[in-house]
């Protein structure tokens, strides 16, 4: 009985662990599935706003004023607010 216990322990220690050539662990398989689920195309990384241009030729985006061309007065414009800049 004692010798069979030692043999089982040796076999358990001899099995390759995940990351060392063995089967990938559940968390590794989950990460691989999550990476595959990411869309392959481009995606917007900013927030879309559609403010109206006022009579001073300005738009207001989150309490900040930005000037735009005069010909756009009275129209709505689409802008994307990123962390460091505003894009038309």
C-alpha atoms as a PDB file:
ATOM      1  CA  UNK A   1       0.000   0.000   0.000  1.00  0.00           C
ATOM      2  CA  UNK A   2       2.795   2.383   0.884  1.00  0.00           C
ATOM      3  CA  UNK A   3       4.657   1.770  -2.374  1.00  0.00           C
ATOM      4  CA  UNK A   4       1.544   2.319  -4.532  1.00  0.00           C
ATOM      5  CA  UNK A   5       0.997   5.701  -2.871  1.00  0.00           C
ATOM      6  CA  UNK A   6       4.560   6.737  -3.723  1.00  0.00           C
ATOM      7  CA  UNK A   7       4.113   5.624  -7.336  1.00  0.00           C
ATOM      8  CA  UNK A   8       0.919   7.685  -7.661  1.00  0.00           C
ATOM      9  CA  UNK A   9       2.698  10.735  -6.252  1.00  0.00           C
ATOM     10  CA  UNK A  10       5.585  10.283  -8.715  1.00  0.00           C
ATOM     11  CA  UNK A  11       3.141  10.055 -11.630  1.00  0.00           C
ATOM     12  CA  UNK A  12       1.263  13.122 -10.422  1.00  0.00           C
ATOM     13  CA  UNK A  13       4.499  15.130 -10.169  1.00  0.00           C
ATOM     14  CA  UNK A  14       5.703  13.824 -13.531  1.00  0.00           C
ATOM     15  CA  UNK A  15       2.576  15.093 -15.369  1.00  0.00           C
ATOM     16  CA  UNK A  16       3.318  18.262 -17.317  1.00  0.00           C
ATOM     17  CA  UNK A  17       1.648  21.322 -15.870  1.00  0.00           C
ATOM     18  CA  UNK A  18      -0.060  23.994 -17.937  1.00  0.00           C
ATOM     19  CA  UNK A  19       2.430  26.418 -19.429  1.00  0.00           C
ATOM     20  CA  UNK A  20       5.108  23.757 -19.476  1.00  0.00           C
ATOM     21  CA  UNK A  21       4.056  21.800 -22.531  1.00  0.00           C
ATOM     22  CA  UNK A  22       0.908  20.288 -21.044  1.00  0.00           C
ATOM     23  CA  UNK A  23      -2.704  21.004 -21.774  1.00  0.00           C
ATOM     24  CA  UNK A  24      -3.638  24.662 -21.389  1.00  0.00           C
ATOM     25  CA  UNK A  25      -5.522  25.506 -18.245  1.00  0.00           C
ATOM     26  CA  UNK A  26      -9.146  26.597 -18.232  1.00  0.00           C
ATOM     27  CA  UNK A  27      -8.211  30.253 -17.797  1.00  0.00           C
ATOM     28  CA  UNK A  28      -5.841  30.080 -20.790  1.00  0.00           C
ATOM     29  CA  UNK A  29      -8.565  28.562 -22.963  1.00  0.00           C
ATOM     30  CA  UNK A  30     -10.978  31.265 -21.735  1.00  0.00           C
ATOM     31  CA  UNK A  31      -8.489  34.016 -22.671  1.00  0.00           C
ATOM     32  CA  UNK A  32      -8.033  32.524 -26.124  1.00  0.00           C
ATOM     33  CA  UNK A  33     -11.812  32.525 -26.636  1.00  0.00           C
ATOM     34  CA  UNK A  34     -12.044  36.135 -25.470  1.00  0.00           C
ATOM     35  CA  UNK A  35      -9.321  37.207 -27.893  1.00  0.00           C
ATOM     36  CA  UNK A  36     -11.080  35.457 -30.767  1.00  0.00           C
ATOM     37  CA  UNK A  37     -14.299  37.314 -29.897  1.00  0.00           C
ATOM     38  CA  UNK A  38     -12.723  40.760 -30.539  1.00  0.00           C
ATOM     39  CA  UNK A  39     -13.947  42.171 -33.866  1.00  0.00           C
ATOM     40  CA  UNK A  40     -11.326  42.334 -36.616  1.00  0.00           C
ATOM     41  CA  UNK A  41     -12.377  45.715 -38.057  1.00  0.00           C
ATOM     42  CA  UNK A  42     -11.787  49.198 -36.737  1.00  0.00           C
ATOM     43  CA  UNK A  43     -13.983  50.676 -34.045  1.00  0.00           C
ATOM     44  CA  UNK A  44     -14.560  54.144 -32.684  1.00  0.00           C
ATOM     45  CA  UNK A  45     -12.615  54.990 -29.573  1.00  0.00           C
ATOM     46  CA  UNK A  46     -14.313  58.324 -28.921  1.00  0.00           C
ATOM     47  CA  UNK A  47     -17.772  59.607 -28.064  1.00  0.00           C
ATOM     48  CA  UNK A  48     -20.086  60.919 -30.773  1.00  0.00           C
ATOM     49  CA  UNK A  49     -21.853  64.296 -30.298  1.00  0.00           C
ATOM     50  CA  UNK A  50     -24.184  66.211 -32.646  1.00  0.00           C
ATOM     51  CA  UNK A  51     -24.284  69.796 -31.344  1.00  0.00           C
ATOM     52  CA  UNK A  52     -25.969  72.690 -33.158  1.00  0.00           C
ATOM     53  CA  UNK A  53     -23.804  75.577 -34.379  1.00  0.00           C
ATOM     54  CA  UNK A  54     -24.924  78.793 -32.628  1.00  0.00           C
ATOM     55  CA  UNK A  55     -25.047  82.311 -34.085  1.00  0.00           C
ATOM     56  CA  UNK A  56     -21.461  82.954 -32.894  1.00  0.00           C
ATOM     57  CA  UNK A  57     -20.277  80.070 -35.130  1.00  0.00           C
ATOM     58  CA  UNK A  58     -19.436  77.893 -32.129  1.00  0.00           C
ATOM     59  CA  UNK A  59     -20.430  74.483 -30.818  1.00  0.00           C
ATOM     60  CA  UNK A  60     -20.521  73.367 -27.188  1.00  0.00           C
ATOM     61  CA  UNK A  61     -19.203  69.888 -26.329  1.00  0.00           C
ATOM     62  CA  UNK A  62     -19.162  69.035 -22.629  1.00  0.00           C
ATOM     63  CA  UNK A  63     -18.947  72.649 -21.450  1.00  0.00           C
ATOM     64  CA  UNK A  64     -16.155  73.509 -23.929  1.00  0.00           C
ATOM     65  CA  UNK A  65     -16.681  75.836 -26.884  1.00  0.00           C
ATOM     66  CA  UNK A  66     -15.156  75.196 -30.294  1.00  0.00           C
ATOM     67  CA  UNK A  67     -15.352  77.480 -33.314  1.00  0.00           C
ATOM     68  CA  UNK A  68     -16.524  76.119 -36.677  1.00  0.00           C
ATOM     69  CA  UNK A  69     -16.892  77.651 -40.169  1.00  0.00           C
ATOM     70  CA  UNK A  70     -19.536  80.413 -40.480  1.00  0.00           C
ATOM     71  CA  UNK A  71     -21.389  78.583 -43.264  1.00  0.00           C
ATOM     72  CA  UNK A  72     -22.504  75.966 -40.682  1.00  0.00           C
ATOM     73  CA  UNK A  73     -24.480  78.406 -38.468  1.00  0.00           C
ATOM     74  CA  UNK A  74     -27.855  76.879 -37.564  1.00  0.00           C
ATOM     75  CA  UNK A  75     -26.885  73.341 -38.667  1.00  0.00           C
ATOM     76  CA  UNK A  76     -26.076  70.279 -36.602  1.00  0.00           C
ATOM     77  CA  UNK A  77     -22.565  68.869 -36.944  1.00  0.00           C
ATOM     78  CA  UNK A  78     -21.254  65.424 -36.014  1.00  0.00           C
ATOM     79  CA  UNK A  79     -18.056  65.399 -33.944  1.00  0.00           C
ATOM     80  CA  UNK A  80     -16.196  62.645 -32.125  1.00  0.00           C
ATOM     81  CA  UNK A  81     -14.589  63.579 -28.816  1.00  0.00           C
ATOM     82  CA  UNK A  82     -11.396  61.636 -28.069  1.00  0.00           C
ATOM     83  CA  UNK A  83      -9.265  61.867 -24.938  1.00  0.00           C
ATOM     84  CA  UNK A  84      -6.946  64.499 -26.429  1.00  0.00           C
ATOM     85  CA  UNK A  85      -8.745  65.981 -29.457  1.00  0.00           C
ATOM     86  CA  UNK A  86     -12.057  66.634 -31.222  1.00  0.00           C
ATOM     87  CA  UNK A  87     -12.531  65.187 -34.716  1.00  0.00           C
ATOM     88  CA  UNK A  88     -15.219  66.201 -37.258  1.00  0.00           C
END
